[in-house]
Amino acid sequence: MNISNLCRRGLLVSLCGFFSTAAIADPITFDIDSRHTFPAFAADHQSGFSIWRGKIGETSGTIVLDREAETGTVNVTMNMDTIDFGLDAMSDHARAPDILDVAQFPTATYEGTLTGFQDGNPTAVTGNLTMHGVTQPLNLEISHLQCRERDMREACGAEILGSLDRSDYGVDFGLGRHLMWVELQIQLEAVERE
């Protein structure tokens, strides 16, 4: 006799309760929806003369979330060959050896831990960004997070903010002529894995 039959017959009540609780507390793995996830950024041009904005066009990865335990992880890979400033010449130069050198460093990765839980949802990520072959700590703020059912699975959308000094990653083209800060504004959607 299987456990569901025992539960239906009112037997092993405590065991049934245990399995129900365990099922609720299981962490959920979400796959990043690359069609709706675009890490965006704003970078200085000529020491405040203007601000250039762009995005990464191809992103993949996973998010694991356990609301009961208030824990979770983030693992994201960005295809740096898809960087887009909206101007081909600028995008091509960003990929060149003197800036991001995507031929040698085709991807950037972010690995982090979800933190600052409020009502079962994280408000921040503590982690590390690897870009241009250099790994540095990078903490992010989750300014918006909403989860709901979509196509019979849970889906989450988030807005994630942060900033970095690109020279920390060896991306120091224009040092002395440009400010090195980069503001991040990441729109992310992820869907529960089947």
N, C-alpha and C. Protein backbone atom coordinates (compact mmCIF):
# COMPACT_ATOMS: atom_id res chain seq x y z
N MET A 1 0.86 -1.18 0.00
CA MET A 1 0.00 0.00 0.00
C MET A 1 0.90 1.24 0.00
N ASN A 2 0.66 2.18 -0.94
CA ASN A 2 1.52 3.36 -0.99
C ASN A 2 1.08 4.43 0.00
N ILE A 3 1.92 5.46 0.15
CA ILE A 3 1.68 6.48 1.16
C ILE A 3 0.39 7.25 0.90
N SER A 4 0.06 7.53 -0.38
CA SER A 4 -1.17 8.28 -0.66
C SER A 4 -2.40 7.49 -0.24
N ASN A 5 -2.36 6.16 -0.43
CA ASN A 5 -3.49 5.33 0.01
C ASN A 5 -3.61 5.34 1.53
N LEU A 6 -2.45 5.28 2.23
CA LEU A 6 -2.48 5.34 3.68
C LEU A 6 -3.06 6.66 4.16
N CYS A 7 -2.69 7.73 3.49
CA CYS A 7 -3.21 9.05 3.87
C CYS A 7 -4.72 9.11 3.66
N ARG A 8 -5.20 8.56 2.52
CA ARG A 8 -6.63 8.58 2.24
C ARG A 8 -7.41 7.79 3.29
N ARG A 9 -6.82 6.75 3.83
CA ARG A 9 -7.51 5.92 4.81
C ARG A 9 -7.36 6.47 6.22
N GLY A 10 -6.69 7.61 6.35
CA GLY A 10 -6.54 8.22 7.67
C GLY A 10 -5.47 7.57 8.52
N LEU A 11 -4.62 6.73 7.92
CA LEU A 11 -3.58 6.05 8.66
C LEU A 11 -2.30 6.88 8.58
N LEU A 12 -1.43 6.70 9.52
CA LEU A 12 -0.13 7.36 9.55
C LEU A 12 -0.27 8.87 9.39
N VAL A 13 -1.15 9.47 10.17
CA VAL A 13 -1.42 10.91 10.06
C VAL A 13 -0.15 11.72 10.22
N SER A 14 0.65 11.37 11.19
CA SER A 14 1.86 12.14 11.43
C SER A 14 2.83 12.03 10.26
N LEU A 15 2.91 10.85 9.64
CA LEU A 15 3.79 10.67 8.50
C LEU A 15 3.30 11.50 7.31
N CYS A 16 1.98 11.49 7.09
CA CYS A 16 1.40 12.29 6.00
C CYS A 16 1.69 13.77 6.23
N GLY A 17 1.54 14.21 7.48
CA GLY A 17 1.84 15.60 7.81
C GLY A 17 3.28 15.95 7.53
N PHE A 18 4.19 15.02 7.83
CA PHE A 18 5.61 15.25 7.57
C PHE A 18 5.87 15.43 6.09
N PHE A 19 5.30 14.54 5.26
CA PHE A 19 5.53 14.64 3.82
C PHE A 19 4.94 15.92 3.25
N SER A 20 3.77 16.33 3.75
CA SER A 20 3.15 17.57 3.27
C SER A 20 4.03 18.77 3.61
N THR A 21 4.55 18.82 4.83
CA THR A 21 5.42 19.92 5.25
C THR A 21 6.70 19.93 4.43
N ALA A 22 7.28 18.75 4.21
CA ALA A 22 8.53 18.67 3.44
C ALA A 22 8.31 19.18 2.03
N ALA A 23 7.16 18.85 1.44
CA ALA A 23 6.90 19.29 0.07
C ALA A 23 6.80 20.81 -0.01
N ILE A 24 6.16 21.42 1.00
CA ILE A 24 6.01 22.88 1.01
C ILE A 24 7.37 23.56 1.15
N ALA A 25 8.25 22.95 1.95
CA ALA A 25 9.52 23.60 2.28
C ALA A 25 10.60 23.37 1.23
N ASP A 26 10.34 22.56 0.23
CA ASP A 26 11.37 22.29 -0.78
C ASP A 26 11.74 23.57 -1.52
N PRO A 27 13.04 23.75 -1.77
CA PRO A 27 13.44 24.90 -2.58
C PRO A 27 12.95 24.75 -4.02
N ILE A 28 12.72 25.88 -4.67
CA ILE A 28 12.27 25.89 -6.06
C ILE A 28 13.43 26.36 -6.94
N THR A 29 13.67 25.63 -8.03
CA THR A 29 14.68 26.04 -9.00
C THR A 29 13.98 26.74 -10.17
N PHE A 30 14.44 27.94 -10.48
CA PHE A 30 13.92 28.72 -11.59
C PHE A 30 14.99 28.82 -12.67
N ASP A 31 14.58 28.67 -13.92
CA ASP A 31 15.47 28.92 -15.05
C ASP A 31 15.22 30.33 -15.56
N ILE A 32 16.30 31.06 -15.78
CA ILE A 32 16.18 32.42 -16.29
C ILE A 32 15.60 32.39 -17.70
N ASP A 33 14.60 33.23 -17.93
CA ASP A 33 13.96 33.34 -19.24
C ASP A 33 14.77 34.34 -20.07
N SER A 34 15.56 33.82 -20.99
CA SER A 34 16.47 34.68 -21.75
C SER A 34 15.73 35.65 -22.67
N ARG A 35 14.46 35.36 -22.97
CA ARG A 35 13.68 36.26 -23.84
C ARG A 35 13.20 37.49 -23.09
N HIS A 36 13.27 37.45 -21.75
CA HIS A 36 12.77 38.57 -20.94
C HIS A 36 13.79 39.03 -19.91
N THR A 37 15.06 38.71 -20.11
CA THR A 37 16.10 39.10 -19.15
C THR A 37 17.23 39.80 -19.91
N PHE A 38 17.44 41.06 -19.56
CA PHE A 38 18.47 41.85 -20.23
C PHE A 38 19.21 42.71 -19.22
N PRO A 39 20.41 42.28 -18.78
CA PRO A 39 21.20 43.15 -17.91
C PRO A 39 21.51 44.46 -18.65
N ALA A 40 21.08 45.56 -18.07
CA ALA A 40 21.29 46.87 -18.68
C ALA A 40 22.26 47.67 -17.83
N PHE A 41 22.91 48.63 -18.46
CA PHE A 41 23.93 49.41 -17.75
C PHE A 41 23.99 50.83 -18.30
N ALA A 42 24.53 51.71 -17.48
CA ALA A 42 24.80 53.09 -17.88
C ALA A 42 26.25 53.39 -17.53
N ALA A 43 26.98 53.92 -18.50
CA ALA A 43 28.42 54.18 -18.31
C ALA A 43 28.76 55.59 -18.75
N ASP A 44 29.73 56.17 -18.08
CA ASP A 44 30.19 57.53 -18.37
C ASP A 44 30.84 57.61 -19.75
N HIS A 45 30.65 58.75 -20.41
CA HIS A 45 31.36 59.04 -21.65
C HIS A 45 32.03 60.40 -21.51
N GLN A 46 33.35 60.38 -21.51
CA GLN A 46 34.17 61.59 -21.44
C GLN A 46 33.91 62.42 -20.19
N SER A 47 34.07 61.76 -19.05
CA SER A 47 34.01 62.42 -17.74
C SER A 47 32.77 63.28 -17.55
N GLY A 48 31.62 62.68 -17.78
CA GLY A 48 30.37 63.38 -17.53
C GLY A 48 29.79 64.12 -18.70
N PHE A 49 30.45 64.07 -19.86
CA PHE A 49 29.92 64.75 -21.05
C PHE A 49 28.56 64.18 -21.41
N SER A 50 28.44 62.83 -21.34
CA SER A 50 27.15 62.18 -21.54
C SER A 50 27.19 60.80 -20.90
N ILE A 51 26.06 60.16 -20.87
CA ILE A 51 25.96 58.81 -20.31
C ILE A 51 25.49 57.86 -21.41
N TRP A 52 26.28 56.81 -21.66
CA TRP A 52 25.91 55.80 -22.64
C TRP A 52 25.20 54.66 -21.94
N ARG A 53 24.11 54.21 -22.56
CA ARG A 53 23.35 53.09 -22.00
C ARG A 53 23.35 51.93 -22.97
N GLY A 54 23.35 50.73 -22.42
CA GLY A 54 23.34 49.55 -23.26
C GLY A 54 22.79 48.36 -22.50
N LYS A 55 22.85 47.20 -23.15
CA LYS A 55 22.35 45.98 -22.52
C LYS A 55 23.11 44.77 -23.07
N ILE A 56 22.98 43.68 -22.34
CA ILE A 56 23.49 42.38 -22.79
C ILE A 56 22.29 41.61 -23.34
N GLY A 57 22.40 41.13 -24.57
CA GLY A 57 21.25 40.55 -25.25
C GLY A 57 21.00 39.08 -25.00
N GLU A 58 21.94 38.39 -24.37
CA GLU A 58 21.77 36.93 -24.17
C GLU A 58 22.27 36.53 -22.79
N THR A 59 21.35 36.04 -21.98
CA THR A 59 21.64 35.68 -20.59
C THR A 59 21.00 34.34 -20.26
N SER A 60 21.69 33.52 -19.48
CA SER A 60 21.12 32.25 -19.03
C SER A 60 21.53 32.01 -17.59
N GLY A 61 20.86 31.05 -16.94
CA GLY A 61 21.25 30.72 -15.58
C GLY A 61 20.08 30.21 -14.76
N THR A 62 20.34 30.07 -13.47
CA THR A 62 19.33 29.53 -12.55
C THR A 62 19.28 30.33 -11.26
N ILE A 63 18.12 30.28 -10.64
CA ILE A 63 17.91 30.85 -9.31
C ILE A 63 17.25 29.75 -8.48
N VAL A 64 17.79 29.52 -7.30
CA VAL A 64 17.19 28.56 -6.37
C VAL A 64 16.68 29.35 -5.18
N LEU A 65 15.40 29.17 -4.84
CA LEU A 65 14.77 29.95 -3.78
C LEU A 65 14.05 29.03 -2.81
N ASP A 66 14.39 29.16 -1.54
CA ASP A 66 13.70 28.45 -0.46
C ASP A 66 13.13 29.50 0.48
N ARG A 67 11.85 29.81 0.32
CA ARG A 67 11.23 30.86 1.12
C ARG A 67 11.13 30.47 2.59
N GLU A 68 10.86 29.20 2.87
CA GLU A 68 10.72 28.74 4.26
C GLU A 68 12.03 28.92 5.03
N ALA A 69 13.12 28.51 4.41
CA ALA A 69 14.43 28.60 5.06
C ALA A 69 15.07 29.97 4.88
N GLU A 70 14.48 30.81 4.03
CA GLU A 70 15.03 32.13 3.70
C GLU A 70 16.46 32.00 3.19
N THR A 71 16.61 31.15 2.19
CA THR A 71 17.92 30.96 1.55
C THR A 71 17.71 30.89 0.04
N GLY A 72 18.80 31.03 -0.69
CA GLY A 72 18.72 30.89 -2.13
C GLY A 72 20.03 31.27 -2.79
N THR A 73 20.15 30.90 -4.05
CA THR A 73 21.37 31.18 -4.82
C THR A 73 21.00 31.70 -6.20
N VAL A 74 21.96 32.39 -6.80
CA VAL A 74 21.82 32.92 -8.14
C VAL A 74 23.06 32.52 -8.93
N ASN A 75 22.86 32.05 -10.16
CA ASN A 75 23.98 31.69 -11.03
C ASN A 75 23.61 32.14 -12.44
N VAL A 76 24.33 33.15 -12.94
CA VAL A 76 23.97 33.77 -14.21
C VAL A 76 25.19 33.84 -15.13
N THR A 77 24.96 33.54 -16.41
CA THR A 77 26.01 33.68 -17.43
C THR A 77 25.52 34.65 -18.49
N MET A 78 26.36 35.63 -18.82
CA MET A 78 26.02 36.64 -19.83
C MET A 78 26.95 36.51 -21.03
N ASN A 79 26.39 36.49 -22.21
CA ASN A 79 27.16 36.42 -23.45
C ASN A 79 27.62 37.84 -23.81
N MET A 80 28.89 38.12 -23.59
CA MET A 80 29.38 39.49 -23.78
C MET A 80 29.48 39.89 -25.25
N ASP A 81 29.36 38.92 -26.14
CA ASP A 81 29.36 39.24 -27.57
C ASP A 81 28.05 39.89 -27.99
N THR A 82 27.05 39.86 -27.10
CA THR A 82 25.74 40.44 -27.43
C THR A 82 25.57 41.83 -26.81
N ILE A 83 26.66 42.44 -26.35
CA ILE A 83 26.56 43.78 -25.79
C ILE A 83 26.08 44.75 -26.88
N ASP A 84 25.17 45.64 -26.51
CA ASP A 84 24.54 46.51 -27.50
C ASP A 84 24.32 47.90 -26.91
N PHE A 85 24.98 48.89 -27.49
CA PHE A 85 24.81 50.29 -27.08
C PHE A 85 23.79 51.02 -27.95
N GLY A 86 23.25 50.34 -28.96
CA GLY A 86 22.35 51.01 -29.90
C GLY A 86 23.09 51.71 -31.02
N LEU A 87 24.40 51.64 -31.01
CA LEU A 87 25.25 52.20 -32.07
C LEU A 87 26.29 51.14 -32.41
N ASP A 88 26.25 50.62 -33.62
CA ASP A 88 27.10 49.47 -33.98
C ASP A 88 28.58 49.74 -33.73
N ALA A 89 29.03 50.94 -34.07
CA ALA A 89 30.45 51.25 -33.89
C ALA A 89 30.86 51.18 -32.42
N MET A 90 30.00 51.68 -31.55
CA MET A 90 30.29 51.63 -30.11
C MET A 90 30.22 50.20 -29.59
N SER A 91 29.23 49.44 -30.03
CA SER A 91 29.11 48.04 -29.60
C SER A 91 30.32 47.23 -30.06
N ASP A 92 30.73 47.43 -31.32
CA ASP A 92 31.89 46.70 -31.85
C ASP A 92 33.15 47.05 -31.08
N HIS A 93 33.33 48.33 -30.74
CA HIS A 93 34.52 48.74 -30.00
C HIS A 93 34.51 48.16 -28.59
N ALA A 94 33.33 48.08 -27.97
CA ALA A 94 33.25 47.50 -26.62
C ALA A 94 33.70 46.04 -26.61
N ARG A 95 33.49 45.33 -27.72
CA ARG A 95 33.89 43.92 -27.82
C ARG A 95 35.37 43.75 -28.13
N ALA A 96 36.03 44.81 -28.56
CA ALA A 96 37.41 44.75 -29.05
C ALA A 96 38.41 44.45 -27.92
N PRO A 97 39.64 44.04 -28.30
CA PRO A 97 40.65 43.67 -27.30
C PRO A 97 40.99 44.77 -26.30
N ASP A 98 40.88 46.05 -26.68
CA ASP A 98 41.28 47.11 -25.75
C ASP A 98 40.19 47.45 -24.73
N ILE A 99 39.00 46.84 -24.86
CA ILE A 99 37.96 47.07 -23.85
C ILE A 99 37.58 45.72 -23.22
N LEU A 100 36.54 45.04 -23.71
CA LEU A 100 36.09 43.79 -23.07
C LEU A 100 36.81 42.55 -23.59
N ASP A 101 37.39 42.63 -24.78
CA ASP A 101 38.13 41.51 -25.38
C ASP A 101 37.28 40.23 -25.33
N VAL A 102 36.12 40.27 -25.98
CA VAL A 102 35.21 39.13 -25.91
C VAL A 102 35.73 37.89 -26.62
N ALA A 103 36.70 38.05 -27.53
CA ALA A 103 37.30 36.87 -28.15
C ALA A 103 38.00 36.01 -27.09
N GLN A 104 38.64 36.66 -26.13
CA GLN A 104 39.33 35.95 -25.06
C GLN A 104 38.41 35.68 -23.87
N PHE A 105 37.49 36.60 -23.61
CA PHE A 105 36.58 36.48 -22.45
C PHE A 105 35.13 36.59 -22.94
N PRO A 106 34.60 35.52 -23.54
CA PRO A 106 33.28 35.60 -24.18
C PRO A 106 32.10 35.72 -23.23
N THR A 107 32.29 35.36 -21.98
CA THR A 107 31.16 35.43 -21.04
C THR A 107 31.57 36.17 -19.77
N ALA A 108 30.56 36.69 -19.10
CA ALA A 108 30.70 37.19 -17.73
C ALA A 108 29.74 36.36 -16.89
N THR A 109 30.12 36.06 -15.65
CA THR A 109 29.26 35.25 -14.80
C THR A 109 29.06 35.94 -13.45
N TYR A 110 27.89 35.68 -12.88
CA TYR A 110 27.59 36.18 -11.55
C TYR A 110 27.08 35.03 -10.70
N GLU A 111 27.69 34.85 -9.54
CA GLU A 111 27.25 33.83 -8.59
C GLU A 111 27.01 34.52 -7.25
N GLY A 112 25.82 34.30 -6.69
CA GLY A 112 25.50 35.00 -5.46
C GLY A 112 24.55 34.24 -4.57
N THR A 113 24.34 34.80 -3.38
CA THR A 113 23.45 34.25 -2.37
C THR A 113 22.36 35.27 -2.10
N LEU A 114 21.10 34.81 -2.11
CA LEU A 114 19.98 35.68 -1.81
C LEU A 114 19.95 36.01 -0.32
N THR A 115 19.73 37.28 0.02
CA THR A 115 19.77 37.72 1.42
C THR A 115 18.66 38.73 1.69
N GLY A 116 18.60 39.19 2.94
CA GLY A 116 17.69 40.25 3.34
C GLY A 116 16.23 39.89 3.15
N PHE A 117 15.86 38.68 3.52
CA PHE A 117 14.49 38.21 3.27
C PHE A 117 13.47 39.00 4.08
N GLN A 118 12.37 39.35 3.42
CA GLN A 118 11.22 39.97 4.07
C GLN A 118 9.96 39.29 3.54
N ASP A 119 9.19 38.72 4.43
CA ASP A 119 7.97 38.00 4.05
C ASP A 119 8.25 36.90 3.03
N GLY A 120 9.38 36.22 3.18
CA GLY A 120 9.72 35.10 2.31
C GLY A 120 10.40 35.46 1.01
N ASN A 121 10.60 36.75 0.76
CA ASN A 121 11.23 37.18 -0.49
C ASN A 121 12.54 37.89 -0.21
N PRO A 122 13.57 37.63 -1.02
CA PRO A 122 14.86 38.30 -0.83
C PRO A 122 14.81 39.75 -1.29
N THR A 123 15.64 40.58 -0.66
CA THR A 123 15.74 41.98 -1.06
C THR A 123 17.14 42.34 -1.57
N ALA A 124 18.07 41.38 -1.52
CA ALA A 124 19.44 41.67 -1.94
C ALA A 124 20.14 40.37 -2.36
N VAL A 125 21.27 40.56 -3.04
CA VAL A 125 22.12 39.44 -3.43
C VAL A 125 23.56 39.79 -3.06
N THR A 126 24.23 38.87 -2.38
CA THR A 126 25.64 39.02 -2.07
C THR A 126 26.41 38.03 -2.94
N GLY A 127 27.35 38.52 -3.75
CA GLY A 127 28.01 37.58 -4.64
C GLY A 127 29.25 38.13 -5.30
N ASN A 128 29.65 37.45 -6.37
CA ASN A 128 30.86 37.80 -7.12
C ASN A 128 30.56 37.84 -8.61
N LEU A 129 31.09 38.88 -9.27
CA LEU A 129 31.02 38.99 -10.72
C LEU A 129 32.38 38.66 -11.30
N THR A 130 32.39 37.78 -12.30
CA THR A 130 33.61 37.50 -13.06
C THR A 130 33.43 38.09 -14.45
N MET A 131 34.28 39.04 -14.79
CA MET A 131 34.22 39.72 -16.09
C MET A 131 35.64 40.02 -16.54
N HIS A 132 35.90 39.83 -17.83
CA HIS A 132 37.22 40.15 -18.37
C HIS A 132 38.31 39.34 -17.65
N GLY A 133 37.92 38.14 -17.16
CA GLY A 133 38.86 37.24 -16.50
C GLY A 133 39.17 37.60 -15.05
N VAL A 134 38.46 38.56 -14.49
CA VAL A 134 38.70 39.02 -13.12
C VAL A 134 37.43 38.82 -12.29
N THR A 135 37.60 38.30 -11.08
CA THR A 135 36.48 38.10 -10.17
C THR A 135 36.57 39.09 -9.03
N GLN A 136 35.45 39.80 -8.79
CA GLN A 136 35.39 40.78 -7.71
C GLN A 136 34.03 40.67 -7.01
N PRO A 137 33.98 41.01 -5.71
CA PRO A 137 32.68 41.03 -5.02
C PRO A 137 31.76 42.07 -5.63
N LEU A 138 30.49 41.72 -5.75
CA LEU A 138 29.49 42.66 -6.24
C LEU A 138 28.15 42.33 -5.58
N ASN A 139 27.67 43.25 -4.78
CA ASN A 139 26.39 43.07 -4.10
C ASN A 139 25.32 43.87 -4.82
N LEU A 140 24.13 43.28 -4.92
CA LEU A 140 23.04 43.87 -5.68
C LEU A 140 21.80 44.05 -4.82
N GLU A 141 20.99 45.02 -5.18
CA GLU A 141 19.72 45.29 -4.48
C GLU A 141 18.57 44.81 -5.36
N ILE A 142 17.64 44.08 -4.77
CA ILE A 142 16.43 43.68 -5.49
C ILE A 142 15.37 44.72 -5.15
N SER A 143 15.12 45.63 -6.09
CA SER A 143 14.20 46.74 -5.81
C SER A 143 12.75 46.36 -6.05
N HIS A 144 12.53 45.30 -6.81
CA HIS A 144 11.16 44.85 -7.11
C HIS A 144 11.21 43.35 -7.35
N LEU A 145 10.27 42.62 -6.77
CA LEU A 145 10.16 41.17 -7.01
C LEU A 145 8.69 40.79 -6.92
N GLN A 146 8.22 40.12 -7.97
CA GLN A 146 6.84 39.63 -7.96
C GLN A 146 6.83 38.23 -8.55
N CYS A 147 6.16 37.30 -7.86
CA CYS A 147 6.03 35.93 -8.34
C CYS A 147 4.56 35.58 -8.45
N ARG A 148 4.22 34.83 -9.50
CA ARG A 148 2.85 34.38 -9.68
C ARG A 148 2.83 33.20 -10.65
N GLU A 149 1.69 32.55 -10.73
CA GLU A 149 1.59 31.39 -11.62
C GLU A 149 1.49 31.85 -13.06
N ARG A 150 2.23 31.18 -13.94
CA ARG A 150 2.18 31.45 -15.37
C ARG A 150 2.36 30.13 -16.11
N ASP A 151 1.38 29.77 -16.91
CA ASP A 151 1.42 28.50 -17.64
C ASP A 151 1.65 27.31 -16.72
N MET A 152 0.90 27.29 -15.61
CA MET A 152 0.91 26.17 -14.66
C MET A 152 2.20 26.05 -13.86
N ARG A 153 3.07 27.04 -13.94
CA ARG A 153 4.30 27.04 -13.15
C ARG A 153 4.48 28.41 -12.52
N GLU A 154 5.28 28.46 -11.45
CA GLU A 154 5.55 29.74 -10.83
C GLU A 154 6.58 30.50 -11.66
N ALA A 155 6.33 31.78 -11.84
CA ALA A 155 7.26 32.65 -12.56
C ALA A 155 7.51 33.88 -11.70
N CYS A 156 8.72 34.40 -11.77
CA CYS A 156 9.09 35.59 -10.99
C CYS A 156 9.71 36.63 -11.90
N GLY A 157 9.38 37.88 -11.63
CA GLY A 157 9.99 39.00 -12.32
C GLY A 157 10.65 39.91 -11.29
N ALA A 158 11.79 40.46 -11.64
CA ALA A 158 12.53 41.28 -10.67
C ALA A 158 13.25 42.43 -11.37
N GLU A 159 13.49 43.47 -10.61
CA GLU A 159 14.34 44.58 -11.01
C GLU A 159 15.50 44.60 -10.02
N ILE A 160 16.72 44.54 -10.54
CA ILE A 160 17.91 44.40 -9.70
C ILE A 160 18.87 45.54 -10.01
N LEU A 161 19.39 46.17 -8.97
CA LEU A 161 20.23 47.36 -9.12
C LEU A 161 21.60 47.15 -8.50
N GLY A 162 22.59 47.83 -9.05
CA GLY A 162 23.94 47.77 -8.49
C GLY A 162 24.85 48.73 -9.21
N SER A 163 26.10 48.78 -8.81
CA SER A 163 27.09 49.60 -9.49
C SER A 163 28.47 48.99 -9.31
N LEU A 164 29.36 49.31 -10.24
CA LEU A 164 30.72 48.78 -10.16
C LEU A 164 31.70 49.77 -10.78
N ASP A 165 32.94 49.57 -10.46
CA ASP A 165 34.05 50.31 -11.06
C ASP A 165 34.68 49.37 -12.08
N ARG A 166 34.55 49.68 -13.36
CA ARG A 166 35.02 48.74 -14.38
C ARG A 166 36.52 48.53 -14.36
N SER A 167 37.27 49.49 -13.84
CA SER A 167 38.71 49.31 -13.76
C SER A 167 39.09 48.20 -12.77
N ASP A 168 38.19 47.89 -11.82
CA ASP A 168 38.44 46.77 -10.90
C ASP A 168 38.52 45.44 -11.64
N TYR A 169 37.95 45.41 -12.85
CA TYR A 169 37.93 44.19 -13.66
C TYR A 169 38.93 44.27 -14.82
N GLY A 170 39.82 45.25 -14.78
CA GLY A 170 40.81 45.41 -15.84
C GLY A 170 40.24 46.02 -17.11
N VAL A 171 39.03 46.55 -17.05
CA VAL A 171 38.42 47.21 -18.20
C VAL A 171 38.64 48.71 -18.01
N ASP A 172 39.86 49.15 -18.31
CA ASP A 172 40.25 50.52 -17.96
C ASP A 172 40.51 51.39 -19.18
N PHE A 173 39.90 51.05 -20.31
CA PHE A 173 40.00 51.89 -21.49
C PHE A 173 39.51 53.30 -21.16
N GLY A 174 40.27 54.31 -21.55
CA GLY A 174 39.87 55.69 -21.31
C GLY A 174 40.14 56.18 -19.90
N LEU A 175 40.92 55.42 -19.13
CA LEU A 175 41.24 55.85 -17.77
C LEU A 175 41.88 57.24 -17.81
N GLY A 176 41.35 58.16 -17.01
CA GLY A 176 41.83 59.53 -17.03
C GLY A 176 40.98 60.43 -17.91
N ARG A 177 40.27 59.84 -18.88
CA ARG A 177 39.37 60.60 -19.75
C ARG A 177 37.91 60.29 -19.47
N HIS A 178 37.65 59.11 -18.90
CA HIS A 178 36.29 58.69 -18.58
C HIS A 178 36.23 58.29 -17.12
N LEU A 179 35.08 58.50 -16.50
CA LEU A 179 34.85 57.93 -15.18
C LEU A 179 34.67 56.43 -15.33
N MET A 180 35.08 55.66 -14.34
CA MET A 180 35.08 54.20 -14.45
C MET A 180 33.80 53.56 -13.93
N TRP A 181 32.89 54.34 -13.32
CA TRP A 181 31.70 53.74 -12.73
C TRP A 181 30.74 53.24 -13.81
N VAL A 182 30.03 52.19 -13.47
CA VAL A 182 28.97 51.65 -14.32
C VAL A 182 27.77 51.34 -13.41
N GLU A 183 26.61 51.88 -13.75
CA GLU A 183 25.39 51.59 -13.01
C GLU A 183 24.66 50.43 -13.69
N LEU A 184 24.20 49.49 -12.89
CA LEU A 184 23.50 48.31 -13.41
C LEU A 184 22.01 48.41 -13.10
N GLN A 185 21.20 48.04 -14.07
CA GLN A 185 19.75 48.02 -13.92
C GLN A 185 19.27 46.78 -14.68
N ILE A 186 19.05 45.71 -13.94
CA ILE A 186 18.84 44.40 -14.56
C ILE A 186 17.37 44.00 -14.45
N GLN A 187 16.72 43.84 -15.59
CA GLN A 187 15.37 43.29 -15.61
C GLN A 187 15.52 41.79 -15.77
N LEU A 188 14.83 41.04 -14.93
CA LEU A 188 14.99 39.59 -14.93
C LEU A 188 13.64 38.91 -14.79
N GLU A 189 13.43 37.87 -15.58
CA GLU A 189 12.29 36.98 -15.41
C GLU A 189 12.81 35.55 -15.37
N ALA A 190 12.20 34.74 -14.54
CA ALA A 190 12.60 33.34 -14.39
C ALA A 190 11.37 32.49 -14.16
N VAL A 191 11.43 31.26 -14.65
CA VAL A 191 10.29 30.36 -14.60
C VAL A 191 10.68 29.07 -13.89
N GLU A 192 9.79 28.58 -13.05
CA GLU A 192 10.03 27.34 -12.30
C GLU A 192 10.34 26.20 -13.27
N ARG A 193 11.40 25.47 -12.95
CA ARG A 193 11.80 24.34 -13.78
C ARG A 193 10.78 23.21 -13.69
N GLU A 194 10.47 22.61 -14.82
CA GLU A 194 9.50 21.52 -14.87
C GLU A 194 10.07 20.27 -14.20
